[in-house]
Protein backbone atom coordinates (compact mmCIF):
# COMPACT_ATOMS: atom_id res chain seq x y z
CA MET A 1 45.69 2.87 18.72
CA ALA A 2 43.91 6.10 19.48
CA ASN A 3 41.53 5.81 16.56
CA LYS A 4 40.35 2.45 17.93
CA LEU A 5 39.20 3.92 21.23
CA ILE A 6 35.62 5.02 21.76
CA SER A 7 34.09 7.02 24.58
CA LEU A 8 31.88 5.51 27.25
CA ALA A 9 28.95 7.42 25.79
CA GLU A 10 29.55 5.91 22.35
CA LEU A 11 29.91 2.45 23.90
CA SER A 12 26.66 3.01 25.79
CA ARG A 13 24.85 4.02 22.61
CA THR A 14 26.21 1.03 20.71
CA THR A 15 25.14 -1.34 23.46
CA GLN A 16 21.67 0.17 23.66
CA LYS A 17 21.13 -0.11 19.92
CA THR A 18 22.28 -3.73 19.95
CA LEU A 19 20.49 -4.88 23.10
CA ALA A 20 17.57 -2.42 22.97
CA ARG A 21 17.74 -1.90 26.73
CA GLY A 22 18.73 0.89 29.03
CA ALA A 23 17.95 3.08 32.03
CA SER A 24 17.54 6.81 32.50
CA GLU A 25 20.84 7.09 34.40
CA GLN A 26 22.71 5.84 31.31
CA LEU A 27 21.52 8.63 29.02
CA PRO A 28 24.62 10.40 27.66
CA PRO A 29 24.64 14.19 28.01
CA GLY A 30 23.49 15.88 24.83
CA ALA A 31 22.05 12.74 23.27
CA ALA A 32 19.75 13.64 20.37
CA PRO A 33 16.97 14.55 20.27
CA THR A 34 17.68 17.29 22.81
CA LEU A 35 15.31 20.01 23.93
CA GLN A 36 16.87 22.28 21.30
CA ASP A 37 16.36 19.62 18.60
CA LEU A 38 12.71 19.23 19.52
CA THR A 39 11.96 22.94 19.83
CA GLU A 40 13.32 23.41 16.32
CA CYS A 41 10.66 20.92 15.20
CA LEU A 42 7.91 23.25 16.46
CA LEU A 43 6.97 25.46 13.54
CA PHE A 44 4.49 28.29 13.21
CA SER A 45 2.98 29.19 9.83
CA PRO A 46 0.77 32.17 10.70
CA GLY A 47 0.07 32.93 7.05
CA ASP A 48 -2.15 29.86 6.68
CA GLY A 49 -3.20 29.30 10.28
CA ARG A 50 -1.19 26.16 11.03
CA ILE A 51 1.25 25.06 13.74
CA TRP A 52 3.41 21.97 13.26
CA LEU A 53 5.36 19.69 15.61
CA ASN A 54 7.42 16.92 14.01
CA GLY A 55 5.36 17.26 10.84
CA ALA A 56 1.96 16.92 12.56
CA ARG A 57 -0.51 19.76 12.90
CA MET A 58 -0.97 21.14 16.42
CA LEU A 59 -3.31 23.62 18.09
CA LEU A 60 -2.62 26.51 20.44
CA MET A 61 -5.75 26.84 22.56
CA HIS A 62 -6.87 27.96 26.00
CA SER A 63 -6.38 25.48 28.81
CA SER A 64 -9.69 26.75 30.19
CA GLY A 65 -11.33 25.58 26.95
CA LEU A 66 -10.27 22.00 27.68
CA GLY A 67 -11.45 22.55 31.24
CA ALA A 68 -14.88 23.56 29.95
CA LEU A 69 -14.96 20.49 27.68
CA ARG A 70 -13.99 18.32 30.64
CA ARG A 71 -16.86 19.73 32.70
CA GLU A 72 -19.35 19.19 29.87
CA LEU A 73 -18.25 15.56 29.47
CA ILE A 74 -18.47 14.84 33.19
CA GLU A 75 -21.87 16.44 33.61
CA SER A 76 -23.40 14.91 30.48
CA MET A 77 -21.82 11.44 30.52
CA GLY A 78 -20.68 10.82 34.06
CA LEU A 79 -17.20 10.69 35.58
CA ALA A 80 -16.25 7.21 34.40
CA ARG A 81 -17.13 7.72 30.72
CA ALA A 82 -15.56 11.17 30.66
CA ARG A 83 -12.34 9.77 32.12
CA GLY A 84 -12.28 7.05 29.45
CA ILE A 85 -12.73 9.52 26.59
CA MET A 86 -9.96 11.81 27.82
CA LEU A 87 -7.65 8.88 28.58
CA ARG A 88 -8.07 7.55 25.04
CA THR A 89 -7.55 11.00 23.56
CA GLY A 90 -4.30 11.33 25.47
CA TYR A 91 -3.28 7.82 24.41
CA HIS A 92 -3.77 8.73 20.75
CA CYS A 93 -1.65 11.87 21.11
CA GLY A 94 1.15 10.06 22.93
CA ALA A 95 1.28 7.19 20.44
CA ARG A 96 1.24 9.66 17.55
CA ASP A 97 4.14 11.66 19.02
CA ALA A 98 6.13 8.46 19.53
CA ALA A 99 5.68 7.44 15.89
CA LEU A 100 6.60 10.91 14.63
CA VAL A 101 9.70 11.33 16.78
CA LYS A 102 11.00 7.93 15.60
CA GLU A 103 10.48 9.00 11.99
CA ARG A 104 12.06 12.43 12.61
CA PHE A 105 15.16 11.08 14.37
CA PRO A 106 15.76 7.64 12.79
CA GLU A 107 19.38 7.49 13.99
CA ALA A 108 18.63 8.35 17.62
CA ASP A 109 19.31 5.84 20.39
CA THR A 110 16.30 4.03 21.81
CA LEU A 111 17.12 5.43 25.25
CA ALA A 112 17.13 8.99 23.89
CA LEU A 113 13.78 8.38 22.18
CA PHE A 114 12.29 7.26 25.50
CA ALA A 115 13.68 10.39 27.13
CA ALA A 116 12.19 12.57 24.36
CA GLY A 117 8.63 11.74 25.48
CA PRO A 118 8.72 13.86 28.67
CA ILE A 119 10.37 16.70 26.73
CA ILE A 120 7.67 16.72 24.05
CA HIS A 121 4.93 16.47 26.69
CA ALA A 122 6.34 19.58 28.37
CA LEU A 123 6.94 21.34 25.06
CA GLU A 124 3.25 20.95 24.23
CA GLY A 125 2.38 22.86 27.38
CA ALA A 126 0.57 20.07 29.25
CA VAL A 127 2.87 19.60 32.23
CA LYS A 128 6.49 19.84 33.32
CA VAL A 129 7.83 16.29 33.53
CA GLU A 130 10.65 15.33 35.90
CA PRO A 131 11.92 11.78 35.31
CA VAL A 132 12.78 10.02 38.57
CA HIS A 133 13.83 6.74 36.97
CA PHE A 134 12.90 4.58 34.01
CA GLU A 135 14.35 1.41 32.55
CA PHE A 136 13.37 -0.92 29.75
CA ASP A 137 14.34 -4.07 27.90
CA MET A 138 12.86 -4.18 24.40
CA ASN A 139 13.79 -7.84 23.91
CA LEU A 140 11.96 -8.93 27.04
CA GLY A 141 9.20 -6.35 26.73
CA THR A 142 9.80 -5.09 30.27
CA TYR A 143 9.49 -1.52 31.47
CA TYR A 144 9.32 0.47 34.68
CA GLY A 145 9.06 4.24 34.93
CA GLU A 146 8.48 6.79 37.64
CA PHE A 147 7.94 10.50 36.95
CA LEU A 148 6.95 13.66 38.78
CA TRP A 149 4.54 16.13 37.19
CA HIS A 150 4.79 19.81 38.07
CA HIS A 151 1.91 22.33 37.62
CA SER A 152 -0.31 19.99 35.63
CA SER A 153 -2.74 21.89 33.39
CA GLU A 154 -5.44 19.25 33.96
CA ASP A 155 -5.18 19.62 37.71
CA ASP A 156 -5.49 23.40 37.42
CA GLU A 157 -8.77 23.10 35.51
CA HIS A 158 -10.19 20.21 37.54
CA ILE A 159 -9.48 21.89 40.88
CA ALA A 160 -10.99 25.15 39.59
CA GLN A 161 -14.23 23.31 38.74
CA TYR A 162 -14.51 20.66 41.48
CA GLY A 163 -11.95 21.42 44.17
CA ILE A 164 -9.90 18.76 45.96
CA GLY A 165 -11.33 15.26 45.71
CA THR A 166 -10.45 11.62 46.23
CA GLU A 167 -9.45 10.60 42.68
CA ALA A 168 -6.54 11.45 40.42
CA ALA A 169 -7.57 13.86 37.64
CA CYS A 170 -4.73 13.99 35.08
CA TRP A 171 -6.55 11.71 32.66
CA MET A 172 -5.32 12.97 29.28
CA GLN A 173 -1.76 13.23 30.55
CA THR A 174 -1.85 9.68 31.92
CA GLY A 175 -3.20 8.52 28.57
CA TYR A 176 -0.40 10.39 26.80
CA ALA A 177 2.30 8.66 28.85
CA THR A 178 0.60 5.30 28.27
CA GLY A 179 0.38 5.87 24.52
CA TYR A 180 3.94 7.14 24.10
CA THR A 181 5.59 4.37 26.11
CA SER A 182 3.39 1.61 24.67
CA ALA A 183 4.38 2.72 21.17
CA MET A 184 8.05 2.59 22.15
CA VAL A 185 8.01 -0.79 23.92
CA GLY A 186 5.55 -2.45 21.54
CA ARG A 187 3.16 -3.62 24.25
CA LEU A 188 0.69 -1.97 26.59
CA ILE A 189 2.42 -0.06 29.38
CA LEU A 190 -0.12 1.27 31.86
CA TYR A 191 0.54 4.40 33.90
CA ARG A 192 -1.22 5.44 37.07
CA GLU A 193 -1.05 8.50 39.26
CA VAL A 194 -0.20 7.33 42.77
CA GLU A 195 -0.23 10.95 43.95
CA CYS A 196 -2.15 13.86 42.40
CA ARG A 197 -2.68 17.52 43.24
CA SER A 198 -6.42 16.98 42.72
CA MET A 199 -6.23 14.63 45.73
CA GLY A 200 -4.42 17.19 47.88
CA ALA A 201 -0.82 16.17 47.16
CA ASN A 202 1.84 18.80 46.54
CA ILE A 203 2.90 17.19 43.28
CA CYS A 204 1.72 14.47 40.90
CA ARG A 205 3.63 11.17 40.91
CA LEU A 206 3.23 8.71 38.05
CA ILE A 207 4.27 5.06 37.77
CA GLY A 208 4.21 2.97 34.61
CA LYS A 209 4.69 -0.77 34.03
CA PRO A 210 3.24 -3.51 31.78
CA ALA A 211 -0.49 -4.01 32.14
CA GLU A 212 -0.23 -7.56 33.47
CA GLU A 213 2.00 -6.40 36.33
CA TRP A 214 -0.85 -4.32 37.80
CA ASP A 215 -3.14 -6.30 40.10
CA ASP A 216 -6.39 -4.65 38.99
CA ALA A 217 -5.93 -3.44 35.41
CA GLU A 218 -9.41 -4.40 34.17
CA GLU A 219 -10.84 -0.89 34.53
CA ASP A 220 -7.85 0.67 32.78
CA LEU A 221 -8.10 -1.82 29.91
CA ALA A 222 -11.82 -1.17 29.56
CA ASP A 223 -11.17 2.58 29.34
CA LEU A 224 -8.49 2.13 26.68
CA ASN A 225 -10.39 -0.34 24.51
CA ALA A 226 -13.78 1.36 24.49
CA GLU A 227 -13.15 3.05 21.14
CA PRO A 228 -12.11 1.39 17.85
CA PHE A 229 -9.28 3.84 17.11
CA VAL A 230 -7.20 2.14 19.83
CA GLY A 231 -7.21 -1.02 17.73
CA SER A 232 -4.98 -1.89 14.84
CA SER A 233 -5.05 -0.15 11.49
CA PRO A 234 -3.54 -1.01 8.10
CA ARG A 235 -0.63 1.40 8.50
CA SER A 236 0.12 0.92 12.20
CA THR A 237 3.14 -0.97 13.38
CA THR A 238 2.49 -4.49 14.67
CA ALA A 239 2.94 -4.94 18.40
CA ARG A 240 6.11 -6.71 19.36
CA ASN A 241 4.30 -9.12 21.66
CA SER A 242 0.99 -9.38 19.82
CA GLY A 243 0.05 -12.51 21.69
CA ASP A 244 0.28 -10.84 25.11
CA LYS A 245 -2.82 -9.71 26.90
CA GLY A 246 -3.39 -6.04 26.34
CA ALA A 247 -0.90 -5.75 23.51
CA LEU A 248 -1.58 -2.71 21.34
CA PRO A 249 -0.14 -1.52 18.03
CA SER A 250 2.65 0.99 18.39
CA THR A 251 0.60 3.82 16.93
CA PRO A 252 -3.12 3.98 16.25
CA GLN A 253 -3.77 5.96 13.11
CA PRO A 254 -6.86 6.79 11.12
CA ASP A 255 -7.69 4.74 8.06
CA PRO A 256 -5.65 6.57 5.42
CA ALA A 257 -7.43 5.35 2.32
CA PRO A 258 -9.84 2.80 0.92
CA SER A 259 -6.92 0.77 -0.40
CA GLN A 260 -3.41 0.20 0.87
CA ASP A 261 -1.84 -0.41 -2.53
CA SER A 262 -2.57 3.03 -3.99
CA ASP A 263 -1.33 6.57 -3.51
CA MET A 264 -4.51 7.49 -1.65
CA VAL A 265 -2.77 8.43 1.57
CA GLY A 266 -3.94 11.09 3.97
CA ILE A 267 -5.46 12.04 7.30
CA SER A 268 -6.58 15.62 6.61
CA SER A 269 -10.24 16.52 6.93
CA SER A 270 -10.53 17.60 3.28
CA PHE A 271 -8.98 14.34 2.05
CA ASN A 272 -11.22 12.25 4.29
CA ALA A 273 -14.25 14.23 3.13
CA ALA A 274 -13.43 13.36 -0.50
CA CYS A 275 -12.97 9.69 0.45
CA HIS A 276 -16.29 9.71 2.28
CA MET A 277 -18.07 11.10 -0.80
CA LEU A 278 -16.33 8.49 -2.94
CA ARG A 279 -17.61 5.67 -0.74
CA ARG A 280 -21.12 7.12 -0.79
CA VAL A 281 -21.39 7.31 -4.57
CA ALA A 282 -19.46 4.14 -5.46
CA PRO A 283 -22.38 1.65 -5.06
CA THR A 284 -24.62 3.77 -7.31
CA GLN A 285 -24.67 4.25 -11.09
CA ALA A 286 -24.39 8.05 -10.87
CA THR A 287 -22.06 10.03 -13.11
CA VAL A 288 -19.21 11.56 -11.11
CA LEU A 289 -17.29 14.74 -11.90
CA PHE A 290 -13.90 15.17 -10.22
CA THR A 291 -12.66 18.76 -10.02
CA GLY A 292 -9.36 20.13 -8.81
CA GLU A 293 -5.99 21.42 -9.89
CA SER A 294 -3.60 19.45 -12.05
CA GLY A 295 -1.76 16.80 -10.06
CA VAL A 296 -4.23 16.34 -7.20
CA GLY A 297 -4.97 12.72 -8.14
CA LYS A 298 -8.23 12.83 -10.09
CA GLU A 299 -7.48 9.69 -12.13
CA MET A 300 -6.34 7.90 -8.97
CA PHE A 301 -9.70 8.68 -7.35
CA ALA A 302 -11.52 7.60 -10.51
CA ARG A 303 -9.75 4.24 -10.49
CA MET A 304 -10.57 3.79 -6.82
CA LEU A 305 -14.20 4.62 -7.53
CA HIS A 306 -14.29 1.83 -10.11
CA ARG A 307 -12.43 -0.58 -7.81
CA ILE A 308 -14.96 -0.25 -4.96
CA SER A 309 -18.04 -0.12 -7.21
CA PRO A 310 -20.23 -3.05 -8.35
CA ARG A 311 -18.53 -2.70 -11.77
CA HIS A 312 -15.07 -3.63 -10.42
CA ASP A 313 -14.89 -6.87 -12.44
CA ALA A 314 -15.57 -5.04 -15.74
CA PRO A 315 -13.07 -2.83 -17.62
CA PHE A 316 -11.86 0.58 -16.50
CA VAL A 317 -11.05 2.59 -19.63
CA ALA A 318 -9.39 6.01 -19.45
CA ILE A 319 -8.92 8.64 -22.13
CA ASN A 320 -7.17 11.99 -21.88
CA CYS A 321 -9.31 14.28 -24.01
CA ALA A 322 -6.49 16.82 -24.30
CA ALA A 323 -4.16 14.26 -25.87
CA ILE A 324 -6.46 13.27 -28.77
CA PRO A 325 -6.66 15.49 -31.89
CA GLU A 326 -10.14 16.87 -32.52
CA THR A 327 -10.39 15.03 -35.87
CA LEU A 328 -9.83 11.67 -34.15
CA MET A 329 -11.90 12.22 -31.02
CA GLU A 330 -15.15 10.82 -32.39
CA SER A 331 -13.55 7.61 -33.64
CA GLU A 332 -11.64 7.22 -30.34
CA LEU A 333 -14.84 7.51 -28.30
CA PHE A 334 -17.31 5.67 -30.51
CA GLY A 335 -15.15 3.46 -32.75
CA VAL A 336 -14.91 3.27 -36.52
CA GLU A 337 -16.15 0.93 -39.25
CA ARG A 338 -13.89 -0.35 -41.99
CA GLY A 339 -13.67 2.06 -44.91
CA ALA A 340 -15.21 4.96 -43.03
CA PHE A 341 -12.27 7.14 -44.08
CA THR A 342 -8.88 6.81 -45.71
CA GLY A 343 -6.70 4.58 -43.59
CA ALA A 344 -9.60 2.82 -41.81
CA THR A 345 -8.62 -0.64 -43.06
CA GLN A 346 -10.47 -2.50 -40.34
CA SER A 347 -13.31 -1.95 -37.91
CA ARG A 348 -12.28 -0.88 -34.41
CA ALA A 349 -14.23 -0.55 -31.16
CA GLY A 350 -14.16 2.82 -29.42
CA ARG A 351 -13.68 3.59 -25.73
CA PHE A 352 -17.39 3.34 -24.99
CA GLU A 353 -17.58 -0.20 -26.36
CA ARG A 354 -14.40 -1.26 -24.61
CA ALA A 355 -15.78 0.05 -21.30
CA ASP A 356 -19.13 -1.73 -21.70
CA GLY A 357 -20.26 -2.93 -18.28
CA GLY A 358 -17.53 -0.93 -16.59
CA THR A 359 -16.29 2.63 -16.18
CA LEU A 360 -15.18 5.19 -18.76
CA PHE A 361 -12.95 7.94 -17.38
CA LEU A 362 -12.81 11.16 -19.42
CA ASP A 363 -9.89 13.26 -18.19
CA GLU A 364 -9.55 16.97 -19.03
CA ILE A 365 -13.03 16.96 -20.47
CA ALA A 366 -13.07 20.75 -20.80
CA THR A 367 -10.77 20.44 -23.84
CA LEU A 368 -13.44 18.70 -25.95
CA SER A 369 -14.73 20.68 -28.92
CA LEU A 370 -18.37 21.77 -28.92
CA VAL A 371 -19.10 19.23 -31.68
CA ALA A 372 -17.60 16.37 -29.67
CA GLN A 373 -19.47 17.59 -26.58
CA GLY A 374 -22.77 17.31 -28.44
CA LYS A 375 -22.09 13.72 -29.53
CA LEU A 376 -20.94 12.79 -26.04
CA LEU A 377 -24.13 14.25 -24.57
CA ARG A 378 -26.27 12.07 -26.84
CA ALA A 379 -24.34 8.94 -25.86
CA LEU A 380 -24.84 9.76 -22.18
CA GLN A 381 -28.53 10.48 -22.52
CA GLU A 382 -29.47 7.58 -24.79
CA GLY A 383 -26.99 4.95 -23.64
CA GLU A 384 -26.22 4.10 -27.25
CA ILE A 385 -23.59 4.97 -29.84
CA GLU A 386 -22.83 4.65 -33.55
CA ARG A 387 -19.39 3.94 -34.92
CA VAL A 388 -17.96 6.43 -37.38
CA GLY A 389 -19.07 5.23 -40.82
CA GLY A 390 -21.51 2.76 -39.31
CA SER A 391 -25.27 2.50 -39.69
CA ARG A 392 -26.31 0.44 -36.70
CA THR A 393 -26.89 1.60 -33.14
CA LEU A 394 -25.00 -0.13 -30.34
CA LYS A 395 -26.31 -0.22 -26.78
CA VAL A 396 -23.62 0.37 -24.15
CA ASP A 397 -23.79 0.11 -20.37
CA VAL A 398 -21.10 2.52 -19.21
CA ARG A 399 -20.63 4.56 -16.08
CA VAL A 400 -19.00 7.83 -17.12
CA VAL A 401 -16.59 9.54 -14.75
CA ALA A 402 -15.12 12.88 -15.83
CA ALA A 403 -12.39 15.13 -14.50
CA THR A 404 -11.37 18.72 -15.10
CA ASN A 405 -9.12 21.41 -13.66
CA VAL A 406 -11.38 24.09 -15.18
CA ASP A 407 -14.48 25.68 -13.66
CA LEU A 408 -17.02 24.12 -16.06
CA ARG A 409 -19.88 26.25 -14.77
CA GLU A 410 -17.96 29.40 -15.63
CA ALA A 411 -16.88 27.91 -18.97
CA ALA A 412 -20.55 27.23 -19.76
CA ARG A 413 -21.42 30.84 -18.98
CA ARG A 414 -18.74 31.96 -21.42
CA GLY A 415 -20.11 29.64 -24.10
CA GLU A 416 -16.98 27.46 -24.10
CA PHE A 417 -18.71 24.38 -22.71
CA ARG A 418 -22.21 23.08 -23.35
CA GLU A 419 -24.42 23.86 -20.38
CA ASP A 420 -26.60 20.78 -20.94
CA LEU A 421 -23.51 18.55 -20.93
CA PHE A 422 -22.26 20.24 -17.77
CA PHE A 423 -25.50 19.45 -15.95
CA ARG A 424 -25.38 15.88 -17.26
CA LEU A 425 -21.86 15.40 -15.90
CA ASN A 426 -22.34 17.32 -12.67
CA VAL A 427 -24.63 14.73 -11.06
CA PHE A 428 -22.22 14.04 -8.17
CA PRO A 429 -19.25 16.43 -8.09
CA ILE A 430 -16.27 15.64 -5.86
CA HIS A 431 -13.70 18.39 -5.36
CA LEU A 432 -10.15 17.24 -4.66
CA PRO A 433 -8.24 19.88 -2.66
CA PRO A 434 -4.73 20.99 -3.64
CA LEU A 435 -1.87 19.72 -1.51
CA ARG A 436 -1.26 23.15 0.03
CA GLU A 437 -4.71 22.86 1.64
CA ARG A 438 -4.06 19.39 3.06
CA LYS A 439 -0.58 19.84 4.49
CA GLU A 440 -1.28 17.36 7.28
CA ASP A 441 -0.94 14.70 4.58
CA ILE A 442 2.52 15.81 3.39
CA PRO A 443 4.54 13.80 5.98
CA LEU A 444 2.52 10.66 5.20
CA LEU A 445 2.96 11.11 1.46
CA MET A 446 6.68 11.77 1.89
CA THR A 447 7.09 8.47 3.74
CA HIS A 448 4.88 6.64 1.24
CA PHE A 449 6.86 7.84 -1.77
CA LEU A 450 10.18 7.31 0.00
CA HIS A 451 9.37 3.63 0.57
CA ARG A 452 8.17 3.22 -3.01
CA PHE A 453 11.19 4.77 -4.70
CA THR A 454 13.86 3.29 -2.44
CA GLN A 455 12.48 -0.14 -3.39
CA ARG A 456 12.14 0.75 -7.06
CA HIS A 457 15.66 2.14 -7.39
CA GLY A 458 17.36 -0.18 -4.92
CA ARG A 459 18.52 2.60 -2.58
CA GLN A 460 19.06 2.54 1.19
CA LEU A 461 18.31 5.93 2.78
CA SER A 462 17.71 6.98 6.38
CA GLY A 463 14.89 9.40 5.55
CA PHE A 464 14.65 13.19 5.33
CA THR A 465 16.65 15.79 7.21
CA PRO A 466 14.57 17.91 9.63
CA ARG A 467 14.98 21.07 7.57
CA THR A 468 13.82 19.21 4.46
CA ALA A 469 10.62 18.11 6.20
CA ASP A 470 10.05 21.65 7.49
CA THR A 471 10.61 23.18 4.06
CA LEU A 472 8.23 20.76 2.35
CA LEU A 473 5.55 21.66 4.91
CA GLY A 474 5.95 25.31 3.97
CA TYR A 475 6.14 24.76 0.21
CA ASP A 476 3.02 25.58 -1.85
CA PHE A 477 3.33 22.64 -4.32
CA PRO A 478 1.94 24.18 -7.51
CA GLY A 479 2.20 20.68 -9.03
CA ASN A 480 0.44 19.10 -6.05
CA ILE A 481 0.93 15.37 -5.32
CA ARG A 482 2.56 14.77 -8.68
CA GLU A 483 5.22 17.37 -7.83
CA LEU A 484 5.83 15.91 -4.36
CA GLN A 485 6.20 12.47 -5.88
CA ASN A 486 8.73 13.76 -8.39
CA LEU A 487 10.67 15.65 -5.71
CA VAL A 488 10.94 12.58 -3.49
CA GLU A 489 12.03 10.37 -6.40
CA ARG A 490 14.63 12.99 -7.33
CA GLY A 491 15.84 12.99 -3.72
CA VAL A 492 16.04 9.20 -3.57
CA ILE A 493 18.23 9.20 -6.66
CA SER A 494 20.42 12.14 -5.59
CA ALA A 495 21.02 11.40 -1.90
CA PRO A 496 24.10 9.38 -0.88
CA ASP A 497 23.68 5.73 0.15
CA GLY A 498 22.80 5.43 3.83
CA GLY A 499 22.29 9.17 4.12
CA ALA A 500 19.25 11.41 4.43
CA ILE A 501 17.52 13.43 1.72
CA ASP A 502 18.40 17.12 2.10
CA LEU A 503 17.14 20.25 0.38
CA ALA A 504 19.96 20.26 -2.14
CA HIS A 505 18.75 16.86 -3.39
CA LEU A 506 15.21 18.12 -4.04
CA PHE A 507 14.99 21.71 -5.21
CA THR A 508 17.22 21.68 -8.27
CA SER A 509 14.98 23.07 -11.02
CA GLY A 510 13.98 26.56 -9.98
CA GLU A 511 11.27 25.88 -7.39
CA ARG A 512 10.30 28.95 -5.38
CA LEU A 513 10.48 28.78 -1.58
CA ALA A 514 8.82 32.02 -0.59
CA GLN A 515 6.41 31.35 2.28
CA PRO A 516 8.01 31.97 5.69
CA MET A 517 7.75 29.49 8.55
CA PHE A 518 8.72 30.18 12.16
CA SER A 519 10.26 27.97 14.82
CA ILE A 520 10.66 28.62 18.53
CA GLY A 521 13.89 28.58 20.49
CA THR A 522 14.39 27.25 24.01
CA ARG A 523 13.77 30.77 25.36
CA GLY A 524 10.41 30.94 23.62
CA VAL A 525 11.42 33.44 20.92
CA LEU A 526 10.06 32.99 17.41
CA ALA A 527 12.56 32.90 14.57
CA THR A 528 12.01 32.48 10.85
CA THR A 529 13.13 29.19 9.34
CA SER A 530 13.82 30.79 5.98
CA ASP A 531 17.08 32.38 7.13
CA ASP A 532 19.16 29.44 5.86
CA GLN A 533 20.88 29.65 2.52
CA PRO A 534 18.54 28.50 -0.26
CA PRO A 535 19.34 25.11 -1.75
CA ALA A 536 21.08 24.88 -5.07
CA GLY A 537 18.65 25.50 -7.91
CA ALA A 538 15.93 27.02 -5.73
CA THR A 539 14.93 30.62 -6.29
CA THR A 540 13.87 33.07 -3.62
CA GLU A 541 13.06 36.73 -3.58
CA ALA A 542 16.18 38.85 -4.09
CA PRO A 543 17.59 39.88 -0.68
CA THR A 544 16.83 43.48 0.08
CA ALA A 545 17.76 45.50 3.16
CA PRO A 546 14.68 46.37 5.24
CA SER A 547 15.14 50.12 4.83
CA GLU A 548 15.64 49.78 1.08
CA ALA A 549 12.57 47.53 0.76
CA ILE A 550 10.40 50.01 2.66
CA HIS A 551 11.79 52.91 0.59
CA THR A 552 10.91 51.04 -2.62
CA LEU A 553 7.48 49.94 -1.40
CA PHE A 554 6.35 53.50 -0.63
CA GLY A 555 7.93 55.15 -3.64
CA GLY A 556 10.58 56.97 -1.67
CA LYS A 557 8.06 58.58 0.71
CA ASP A 558 8.51 58.63 4.49
CA PRO A 559 6.05 56.02 5.88
CA SER A 560 5.61 58.07 9.05
CA ARG A 561 4.04 60.84 6.97
CA LEU A 562 1.63 58.57 5.08
CA SER A 563 -1.96 57.91 6.08
CA LEU A 564 -3.10 54.39 6.95
CA GLN A 565 -5.06 54.27 3.68
CA GLU A 566 -1.98 55.21 1.65
CA ILE A 567 0.08 52.50 3.35
CA GLU A 568 -2.64 49.92 2.73
CA ASP A 569 -2.96 50.94 -0.94
CA ALA A 570 0.79 50.72 -1.43
CA MET A 571 0.95 47.21 0.05
CA ILE A 572 -1.99 46.02 -2.06
CA ASP A 573 -0.50 47.49 -5.26
CA HIS A 574 2.85 45.89 -4.49
CA SER A 575 1.30 42.44 -3.89
CA LEU A 576 -0.84 42.63 -7.03
CA ALA A 577 2.18 43.64 -9.10
CA GLU A 578 4.22 40.71 -7.76
CA VAL A 579 1.55 38.18 -8.75
CA LYS A 580 0.65 39.89 -12.03
CA GLY A 581 -2.84 40.86 -10.94
CA ASN A 582 -3.91 37.51 -9.47
CA VAL A 583 -6.33 38.72 -6.79
CA SER A 584 -6.58 35.35 -5.01
CA GLU A 585 -2.81 34.96 -4.70
CA ALA A 586 -2.37 38.59 -3.64
CA ALA A 587 -5.01 38.15 -0.95
CA ARG A 588 -3.27 35.05 0.37
CA ARG A 589 0.05 36.91 0.61
CA LEU A 590 -1.61 39.80 2.43
CA GLY A 591 -3.35 37.49 4.89
CA LEU A 592 -6.81 38.38 3.54
CA THR A 593 -9.60 36.45 1.90
CA ARG A 594 -10.30 37.13 -1.77
CA ALA A 595 -13.58 38.80 -0.80
CA GLN A 596 -11.82 41.10 1.67
CA LEU A 597 -9.27 42.20 -0.90
CA SER A 598 -11.95 42.69 -3.57
CA TYR A 599 -13.89 44.89 -1.16
CA ARG A 600 -10.82 47.05 -0.50
CA LEU A 601 -10.23 47.41 -4.22
CA SER A 602 -13.87 48.35 -4.81
CA ARG A 603 -13.60 51.24 -2.34
CA ARG A 604 -10.97 52.97 -4.45
CA PRO A 605 -11.96 55.92 -6.67
CA SER A 606 -13.01 54.86 -10.17
CA ASN A 607 -10.23 56.85 -11.82
CA GLU A 608 -7.73 54.49 -10.25
């Protein structure tokens, strides 16, 4: 009998999940996500200058800086337009946080997710939120909320600039509440400050309800819909009541890629810059050279280039130059006539002919021999080819797109690559950044690959554990997107049905997890996230006691008796030894640029 009984809290959670309704007074004590859960999602990675909250990059900046921006907007654009811009900015942030917290805590009750909004808003340093009362019914699309705001950062800055006035001034924070709640309910929930410190009140009081329940919502709607990012996007969730006036998607997100059915997913500035260059060059006939490390998606970008170009109806032909033996390369590229050599029993078109009218993608082009490079150069310059063993010239209309993970300019200087061919290929170079330089895209890619592989392998999983997401954000991904894709597929296969993917399901083949990340506790104290036991199969640096590590680093000498230069030299030597002389990697570990480390090395006596 006892095992059939459930607590009131469990009954409440079950009812809320089933009916999708609730009120703030019904929130069970300790319902996840708690303040502790959310603070553990705030991560600091000082080594690469990034801060993360729920897998999204954040900024730690002066409140007075936003105050200065606010003043500039008001004085240059007027009060009304400045209010609209800041309201929409807050809306975007609130909607983004709502989407991320739902992804981070997929098993959380709807009521607890509503309650997480004020906690996150306070955690981000904007304002201390005190819920008075809120209630919602997801099936009916109804909502009412009342909150108190203590020591609002926007009020502090507005009062410092303009003093006490007659209008409420917490524009970004009102937008944040509107965005977060609208994303949760699935329809536009408008908030207004009915009391504000900028109007002389002792505290700010906020009320939120559906847009149509406000008598004069036209101005609010105009402010929210003045910019296109408030509208729908390919990856945003459809509004529950899309036919209602003022209905908005649950989370406005930037356009992640030119196509939804590819792996071109990302929101980072470097990724968007590459996409922008791709769109600029696609309508032209220019030769494009993709550069970047192995696994960054060069062929994927090349295929997208062809897909959005005027040649999209013609063939896209790809060849991996590293996979073709040198003796066969010429016949693969240009074709062969019957009887040209032993075994050539019939004539065969080469890749150039097969790509006529379309795009020819030459991957790993740096592996071509100098002889093959010369013949390729002639084909590019003249637009014509001859089959091996043939005597007639064939005209071909081909757009050549090449890719390499080698610095071709440096290879040309060393005599390993023809300089004239390099200049012929380097008409429009597009550099694709490694994944470690576009970490904002990692959560999106994780979700993208999770959906793909759960469908492919017929698995039902709840997502990733929080520590898995945090670890992947801190991982350097030497294999880039290809490695992340493989890790997620491995996790989908290894994780139990209905469960979440954990570290032990991913890092099983010797991956190194060396870069520290830091989270913050409820008391505001930083703590490293790398203190957990490493997952099975993952390798880390051998644990060494601090005193022993220092003793080893300085060769048994007392650090207190060493000069600053001696300490610096010892740290540099140690880092260089660990990475086998790789100056760039050593500089990254020391928190320096490559130029800074090279300068320090150049100052040393020549006999060293």
